[in-house]
C-alpha atoms as a PDB file:
ATOM      1  CA  UNK A   1      21.230   9.865 -12.913  1.00  0.00           C
ATOM      2  CA  UNK A   2      17.855  11.619 -12.265  1.00  0.00           C
ATOM      3  CA  UNK A   3      15.051   9.401 -10.785  1.00  0.00           C
ATOM      4  CA  UNK A   4      11.477   9.557 -12.269  1.00  0.00           C
ATOM      5  CA  UNK A   5      10.172  12.164  -9.732  1.00  0.00           C
ATOM      6  CA  UNK A   6      13.141  14.137 -10.216  1.00  0.00           C
ATOM      7  CA  UNK A   7      12.474  14.764 -13.593  1.00  0.00           C
ATOM      8  CA  UNK A   8       8.755  15.986 -12.929  1.00  0.00           C
ATOM      9  CA  UNK A   9       8.673  19.675 -13.245  1.00  0.00           C
ATOM     10  CA  UNK A  10       8.413  22.236 -10.378  1.00  0.00           C
ATOM     11  CA  UNK A  11       5.249  23.855 -11.504  1.00  0.00           C
ATOM     12  CA  UNK A  12       2.217  23.026 -13.204  1.00  0.00           C
ATOM     13  CA  UNK A  13      -1.102  24.687 -14.060  1.00  0.00           C
ATOM     14  CA  UNK A  14      -4.709  23.641 -15.054  1.00  0.00           C
ATOM     15  CA  UNK A  15      -7.812  25.435 -15.626  1.00  0.00           C
ATOM     16  CA  UNK A  16     -11.138  23.796 -15.090  1.00  0.00           C
ATOM     17  CA  UNK A  17     -14.457  26.151 -14.788  1.00  0.00           C
ATOM     18  CA  UNK A  18     -13.000  29.038 -14.969  1.00  0.00           C
ATOM     19  CA  UNK A  19     -10.737  28.255 -11.819  1.00  0.00           C
ATOM     20  CA  UNK A  20      -6.620  27.994 -11.870  1.00  0.00           C
ATOM     21  CA  UNK A  21      -5.498  25.149 -10.188  1.00  0.00           C
ATOM     22  CA  UNK A  22      -1.589  24.749  -9.618  1.00  0.00           C
ATOM     23  CA  UNK A  23       1.135  22.685  -8.275  1.00  0.00           C
ATOM     24  CA  UNK A  24       4.721  24.176  -6.913  1.00  0.00           C
ATOM     25  CA  UNK A  25       7.185  22.510  -5.663  1.00  0.00           C
ATOM     26  CA  UNK A  26       7.571  22.908  -1.776  1.00  0.00           C
ATOM     27  CA  UNK A  27      10.224  25.293  -0.812  1.00  0.00           C
ATOM     28  CA  UNK A  28      10.893  23.865   3.005  1.00  0.00           C
ATOM     29  CA  UNK A  29      11.907  26.751   4.540  1.00  0.00           C
ATOM     30  CA  UNK A  30       9.130  28.884   2.964  1.00  0.00           C
ATOM     31  CA  UNK A  31       6.261  26.185   3.379  1.00  0.00           C
ATOM     32  CA  UNK A  32       7.167  24.540   6.667  1.00  0.00           C
ATOM     33  CA  UNK A  33       4.854  26.698   8.942  1.00  0.00           C
ATOM     34  CA  UNK A  34       2.009  25.773   6.495  1.00  0.00           C
ATOM     35  CA  UNK A  35       2.665  22.364   6.412  1.00  0.00           C
ATOM     36  CA  UNK A  36       2.551  22.367  10.289  1.00  0.00           C
ATOM     37  CA  UNK A  37      -0.434  24.148  10.490  1.00  0.00           C
ATOM     38  CA  UNK A  38      -2.213  21.777   7.966  1.00  0.00           C
ATOM     39  CA  UNK A  39      -0.959  18.498   9.863  1.00  0.00           C
ATOM     40  CA  UNK A  40      -2.527  19.776  12.765  1.00  0.00           C
ATOM     41  CA  UNK A  41      -6.040  20.324  11.372  1.00  0.00           C
ATOM     42  CA  UNK A  42      -8.496  18.068  12.840  1.00  0.00           C
ATOM     43  CA  UNK A  43      -9.769  16.723   9.332  1.00  0.00           C
ATOM     44  CA  UNK A  44      -5.935  16.261   8.215  1.00  0.00           C
ATOM     45  CA  UNK A  45      -5.138  14.508  11.737  1.00  0.00           C
ATOM     46  CA  UNK A  46      -7.866  12.056  11.101  1.00  0.00           C
ATOM     47  CA  UNK A  47      -6.309  10.909   7.841  1.00  0.00           C
ATOM     48  CA  UNK A  48      -2.631  11.539   8.227  1.00  0.00           C
ATOM     49  CA  UNK A  49      -1.818  11.166  11.953  1.00  0.00           C
ATOM     50  CA  UNK A  50       1.049  13.532  11.606  1.00  0.00           C
ATOM     51  CA  UNK A  51      -0.067  15.876  14.137  1.00  0.00           C
ATOM     52  CA  UNK A  52       3.773  15.829  15.570  1.00  0.00           C
ATOM     53  CA  UNK A  53       5.712  18.341  17.642  1.00  0.00           C
ATOM     54  CA  UNK A  54       7.294  20.890  15.316  1.00  0.00           C
ATOM     55  CA  UNK A  55      10.771  19.504  15.501  1.00  0.00           C
ATOM     56  CA  UNK A  56       9.649  16.130  14.684  1.00  0.00           C
ATOM     57  CA  UNK A  57       7.594  17.181  11.784  1.00  0.00           C
ATOM     58  CA  UNK A  58      10.523  19.458  10.224  1.00  0.00           C
ATOM     59  CA  UNK A  59      12.766  16.276  10.777  1.00  0.00           C
ATOM     60  CA  UNK A  60      10.208  14.188   8.610  1.00  0.00           C
ATOM     61  CA  UNK A  61       9.518  16.757   5.962  1.00  0.00           C
ATOM     62  CA  UNK A  62      13.503  17.430   5.608  1.00  0.00           C
ATOM     63  CA  UNK A  63      13.884  13.334   5.005  1.00  0.00           C
ATOM     64  CA  UNK A  64      11.169  13.498   2.502  1.00  0.00           C
ATOM     65  CA  UNK A  65      12.378  16.361   0.652  1.00  0.00           C
ATOM     66  CA  UNK A  66      15.746  14.900   0.068  1.00  0.00           C
ATOM     67  CA  UNK A  67      14.412  11.146  -0.723  1.00  0.00           C
ATOM     68  CA  UNK A  68      14.898  11.133  -4.457  1.00  0.00           C
ATOM     69  CA  UNK A  69      11.945   8.381  -5.142  1.00  0.00           C
ATOM     70  CA  UNK A  70       9.298  11.548  -4.302  1.00  0.00           C
ATOM     71  CA  UNK A  71       8.527  14.993  -4.805  1.00  0.00           C
ATOM     72  CA  UNK A  72       6.699  17.463  -2.663  1.00  0.00           C
ATOM     73  CA  UNK A  73       4.140  19.928  -4.065  1.00  0.00           C
ATOM     74  CA  UNK A  74       1.926  22.593  -2.649  1.00  0.00           C
ATOM     75  CA  UNK A  75      -1.736  22.502  -4.364  1.00  0.00           C
ATOM     76  CA  UNK A  76      -3.122  26.037  -5.122  1.00  0.00           C
ATOM     77  CA  UNK A  77      -6.311  27.398  -6.242  1.00  0.00           C
ATOM     78  CA  UNK A  78      -6.084  30.600  -7.991  1.00  0.00           C
ATOM     79  CA  UNK A  79      -2.570  30.878  -6.713  1.00  0.00           C
ATOM     80  CA  UNK A  80      -3.559  30.436  -3.113  1.00  0.00           C
ATOM     81  CA  UNK A  81      -1.918  27.708  -1.184  1.00  0.00           C
ATOM     82  CA  UNK A  82      -4.523  25.198  -0.234  1.00  0.00           C
ATOM     83  CA  UNK A  83      -3.024  21.659   0.101  1.00  0.00           C
ATOM     84  CA  UNK A  84      -0.081  19.322  -0.094  1.00  0.00           C
ATOM     85  CA  UNK A  85       0.708  16.426  -2.508  1.00  0.00           C
ATOM     86  CA  UNK A  86       3.372  14.102  -2.312  1.00  0.00           C
ATOM     87  CA  UNK A  87       4.150  11.936  -5.754  1.00  0.00           C
ATOM     88  CA  UNK A  88       6.381   9.097  -5.253  1.00  0.00           C
ATOM     89  CA  UNK A  89       7.720   6.312  -7.278  1.00  0.00           C
ATOM     90  CA  UNK A  90       5.816   3.249  -6.002  1.00  0.00           C
ATOM     91  CA  UNK A  91       8.098   0.593  -7.203  1.00  0.00           C
ATOM     92  CA  UNK A  92      10.750   2.155  -4.521  1.00  0.00           C
ATOM     93  CA  UNK A  93       8.089   3.144  -1.921  1.00  0.00           C
ATOM     94  CA  UNK A  94       6.608   0.766   0.529  1.00  0.00           C
ATOM     95  CA  UNK A  95       3.736   0.264  -1.402  1.00  0.00           C
ATOM     96  CA  UNK A  96       5.721  -1.919  -3.858  1.00  0.00           C
ATOM     97  CA  UNK A  97       5.739  -4.546  -0.882  1.00  0.00           C
ATOM     98  CA  UNK A  98       1.856  -4.762  -1.380  1.00  0.00           C
ATOM     99  CA  UNK A  99       1.382  -4.909  -5.090  1.00  0.00           C
ATOM    100  CA  UNK A 100       3.475  -5.840  -8.164  1.00  0.00           C
ATOM    101  CA  UNK A 101       4.508  -2.414  -9.176  1.00  0.00           C
ATOM    102  CA  UNK A 102       5.773  -1.620 -12.693  1.00  0.00           C
ATOM    103  CA  UNK A 103       8.956   0.569 -12.376  1.00  0.00           C
ATOM    104  CA  UNK A 104       7.276   3.693 -13.705  1.00  0.00           C
ATOM    105  CA  UNK A 105       4.129   3.640 -11.371  1.00  0.00           C
ATOM    106  CA  UNK A 106       3.763   6.653  -9.669  1.00  0.00           C
ATOM    107  CA  UNK A 107       1.622   7.325  -6.752  1.00  0.00           C
ATOM    108  CA  UNK A 108       0.240   9.985  -4.616  1.00  0.00           C
ATOM    109  CA  UNK A 109      -0.775  11.189  -1.245  1.00  0.00           C
ATOM    110  CA  UNK A 110      -2.954  14.346  -0.963  1.00  0.00           C
ATOM    111  CA  UNK A 111      -4.566  16.549   1.440  1.00  0.00           C
ATOM    112  CA  UNK A 112      -6.526  19.730   1.440  1.00  0.00           C
ATOM    113  CA  UNK A 113      -5.391  21.734   4.413  1.00  0.00           C
ATOM    114  CA  UNK A 114      -7.323  24.991   4.361  1.00  0.00           C
ATOM    115  CA  UNK A 115     -10.830  24.065   5.963  1.00  0.00           C
ATOM    116  CA  UNK A 116     -12.672  26.566   3.755  1.00  0.00           C
ATOM    117  CA  UNK A 117     -12.054  24.617   0.566  1.00  0.00           C
ATOM    118  CA  UNK A 118     -12.833  20.957   1.969  1.00  0.00           C
ATOM    119  CA  UNK A 119     -16.320  19.993   0.457  1.00  0.00           C
ATOM    120  CA  UNK A 120     -16.505  22.713  -1.996  1.00  0.00           C
ATOM    121  CA  UNK A 121     -16.222  20.656  -5.266  1.00  0.00           C
ATOM    122  CA  UNK A 122     -12.513  21.064  -5.822  1.00  0.00           C
ATOM    123  CA  UNK A 123     -11.428  17.531  -5.284  1.00  0.00           C
ATOM    124  CA  UNK A 124     -12.353  16.279  -8.739  1.00  0.00           C
ATOM    125  CA  UNK A 125     -10.572  18.833 -10.405  1.00  0.00           C
ATOM    126  CA  UNK A 126      -7.439  18.554  -8.364  1.00  0.00           C
ATOM    127  CA  UNK A 127      -7.309  14.815  -8.747  1.00  0.00           C
ATOM    128  CA  UNK A 128      -7.923  15.506 -12.691  1.00  0.00           C
ATOM    129  CA  UNK A 129      -5.031  18.064 -12.385  1.00  0.00           C
ATOM    130  CA  UNK A 130      -2.610  15.836 -10.605  1.00  0.00           C
ATOM    131  CA  UNK A 131      -3.742  12.995 -13.272  1.00  0.00           C
ATOM    132  CA  UNK A 132      -2.492  14.999 -16.066  1.00  0.00           C
ATOM    133  CA  UNK A 133       0.589  16.418 -14.129  1.00  0.00           C
ATOM    134  CA  UNK A 134       1.948  12.675 -14.033  1.00  0.00           C
ATOM    135  CA  UNK A 135       0.947  11.355 -17.438  1.00  0.00           C
ATOM    136  CA  UNK A 136       1.979  14.626 -19.008  1.00  0.00           C
ATOM    137  CA  UNK A 137       5.338  14.537 -17.605  1.00  0.00           C
ATOM    138  CA  UNK A 138       6.410  11.133 -17.007  1.00  0.00           C
ATOM    139  CA  UNK A 139       6.186   7.663 -18.724  1.00  0.00           C
ATOM    140  CA  UNK A 140       3.956   6.446 -15.940  1.00  0.00           C
ATOM    141  CA  UNK A 141       1.353   3.756 -17.171  1.00  0.00           C
ATOM    142  CA  UNK A 142      -0.692   4.059 -14.320  1.00  0.00           C
ATOM    143  CA  UNK A 143      -1.337   5.838 -11.302  1.00  0.00           C
ATOM    144  CA  UNK A 144      -1.559   4.165  -7.779  1.00  0.00           C
ATOM    145  CA  UNK A 145      -3.003   5.204  -4.510  1.00  0.00           C
ATOM    146  CA  UNK A 146      -3.810   3.650  -1.313  1.00  0.00           C
ATOM    147  CA  UNK A 147      -6.112   5.823   0.584  1.00  0.00           C
ATOM    148  CA  UNK A 148      -7.764   4.625   4.078  1.00  0.00           C
ATOM    149  CA  UNK A 149     -10.919   2.450   3.364  1.00  0.00           C
ATOM    150  CA  UNK A 150     -12.736   4.839   5.336  1.00  0.00           C
ATOM    151  CA  UNK A 151     -11.993   7.978   3.312  1.00  0.00           C
ATOM    152  CA  UNK A 152     -15.178   8.077   0.943  1.00  0.00           C
ATOM    153  CA  UNK A 153     -14.051  11.235  -1.122  1.00  0.00           C
ATOM    154  CA  UNK A 154     -12.294   8.862  -3.601  1.00  0.00           C
ATOM    155  CA  UNK A 155     -15.339   6.693  -4.491  1.00  0.00           C
ATOM    156  CA  UNK A 156     -17.274   9.824  -5.410  1.00  0.00           C
ATOM    157  CA  UNK A 157     -14.829  10.453  -8.189  1.00  0.00           C
ATOM    158  CA  UNK A 158     -13.218   7.342  -9.107  1.00  0.00           C
ATOM    159  CA  UNK A 159     -15.501   6.772 -12.052  1.00  0.00           C
ATOM    160  CA  UNK A 160     -15.096   9.924 -13.642  1.00  0.00           C
ATOM    161  CA  UNK A 161     -11.435  10.198 -13.170  1.00  0.00           C
ATOM    162  CA  UNK A 162     -11.003   6.616 -13.954  1.00  0.00           C
ATOM    163  CA  UNK A 163      -9.455   5.628 -10.850  1.00  0.00           C
ATOM    164  CA  UNK A 164     -10.335   1.805 -10.342  1.00  0.00           C
ATOM    165  CA  UNK A 165     -10.414   0.016  -7.002  1.00  0.00           C
ATOM    166  CA  UNK A 166      -8.277  -2.938  -7.120  1.00  0.00           C
ATOM    167  CA  UNK A 167      -8.371  -4.563  -3.396  1.00  0.00           C
ATOM    168  CA  UNK A 168      -8.020  -3.773   0.150  1.00  0.00           C
ATOM    169  CA  UNK A 169      -4.514  -3.948   1.569  1.00  0.00           C
ATOM    170  CA  UNK A 170      -3.536  -4.154   5.328  1.00  0.00           C
ATOM    171  CA  UNK A 171      -0.803  -1.701   5.835  1.00  0.00           C
ATOM    172  CA  UNK A 172       0.626  -1.111   9.329  1.00  0.00           C
ATOM    173  CA  UNK A 173      -1.550   1.858  10.026  1.00  0.00           C
ATOM    174  CA  UNK A 174      -4.740   1.482   8.262  1.00  0.00           C
ATOM    175  CA  UNK A 175      -6.485  -0.898   6.036  1.00  0.00           C
ATOM    176  CA  UNK A 176      -6.334   0.718   2.608  1.00  0.00           C
ATOM    177  CA  UNK A 177      -8.011   0.560  -0.949  1.00  0.00           C
ATOM    178  CA  UNK A 178      -5.438   0.058  -3.366  1.00  0.00           C
ATOM    179  CA  UNK A 179      -6.360   2.498  -6.510  1.00  0.00           C
ATOM    180  CA  UNK A 180      -5.374   2.191 -10.067  1.00  0.00           C
ATOM    181  CA  UNK A 181      -5.720   4.923 -12.600  1.00  0.00           C
ATOM    182  CA  UNK A 182      -4.526   3.708 -16.071  1.00  0.00           C
ATOM    183  CA  UNK A 183      -3.047   6.125 -18.616  1.00  0.00           C
ATOM    184  CA  UNK A 184      -5.266   4.938 -21.504  1.00  0.00           C
ATOM    185  CA  UNK A 185      -8.622   4.913 -19.804  1.00  0.00           C
ATOM    186  CA  UNK A 186      -7.888   8.211 -18.063  1.00  0.00           C
ATOM    187  CA  UNK A 187      -7.281  10.076 -21.544  1.00  0.00           C
ATOM    188  CA  UNK A 188     -10.645   8.197 -22.797  1.00  0.00           C
ATOM    189  CA  UNK A 189     -12.553   9.662 -19.983  1.00  0.00           C
ATOM    190  CA  UNK A 190     -10.905  13.139 -19.530  1.00  0.00           C
ATOM    191  CA  UNK A 191      -9.621  14.014 -22.916  1.00  0.00           C
ATOM    192  CA  UNK A 192      -5.936  15.282 -23.777  1.00  0.00           C
ATOM    193  CA  UNK A 193      -4.960  18.665 -22.629  1.00  0.00           C
ATOM    194  CA  UNK A 194      -5.030  21.203 -25.553  1.00  0.00           C
END
C-alpha cells in the first residue's frame, strides 16, 4: 500500500510574479553532487549541520530516498535547481514524539543551496508553492515545521503564508519553533489555485 508521501507527484509547477517555481523528485545518482555541494555551503551548514564526508552523506541520502514516510525534492526557479525539500509524514517521523500528530500531517525541511538566491525574495513564494503542493495533492489538514529558533526567515513570512508558531520544542540538536499551517487558513489567505 502506498504511503501518503509516496502518493505525492514527482513534479509540481507554480507561478508567482512571472517567475516559474517548481519541484521535481530527487534522482539521487544525478543530484548527489549538487546535494553534497549545498550541504557544504556555509549558510546551509549553520542550519543543517550536514557537512559530512562524501561517503557518509551518500549513505544518508540513500537511506532517506528509500524511507517510505518521506519524499525528497529539488526546488527550481525558472527550471534552475536551487534548493532541496524534504516532505515527511509527521506522525511517522521523530517530530511525532514532540506533539500530538494527526496521521495526515505532513512536514517539511527546506534549504536554498544556491547562494545567489538567498535573500532575493524567493522564500515566500517557495513556501507558498510547497503549501499548495501538499494541500492540492494530499488530505493533510495541516502542515508542520520545526525550524531552529534562531532562523528568522520564517517569522517574516508566517502571517502571509498562514504558518502559526505553536511552541518551542527541545530537540537533541536544537531548540525549534513548532509551526502549524492549517489548510483552511492557508486557502483563506492565499486563495485557491486556478
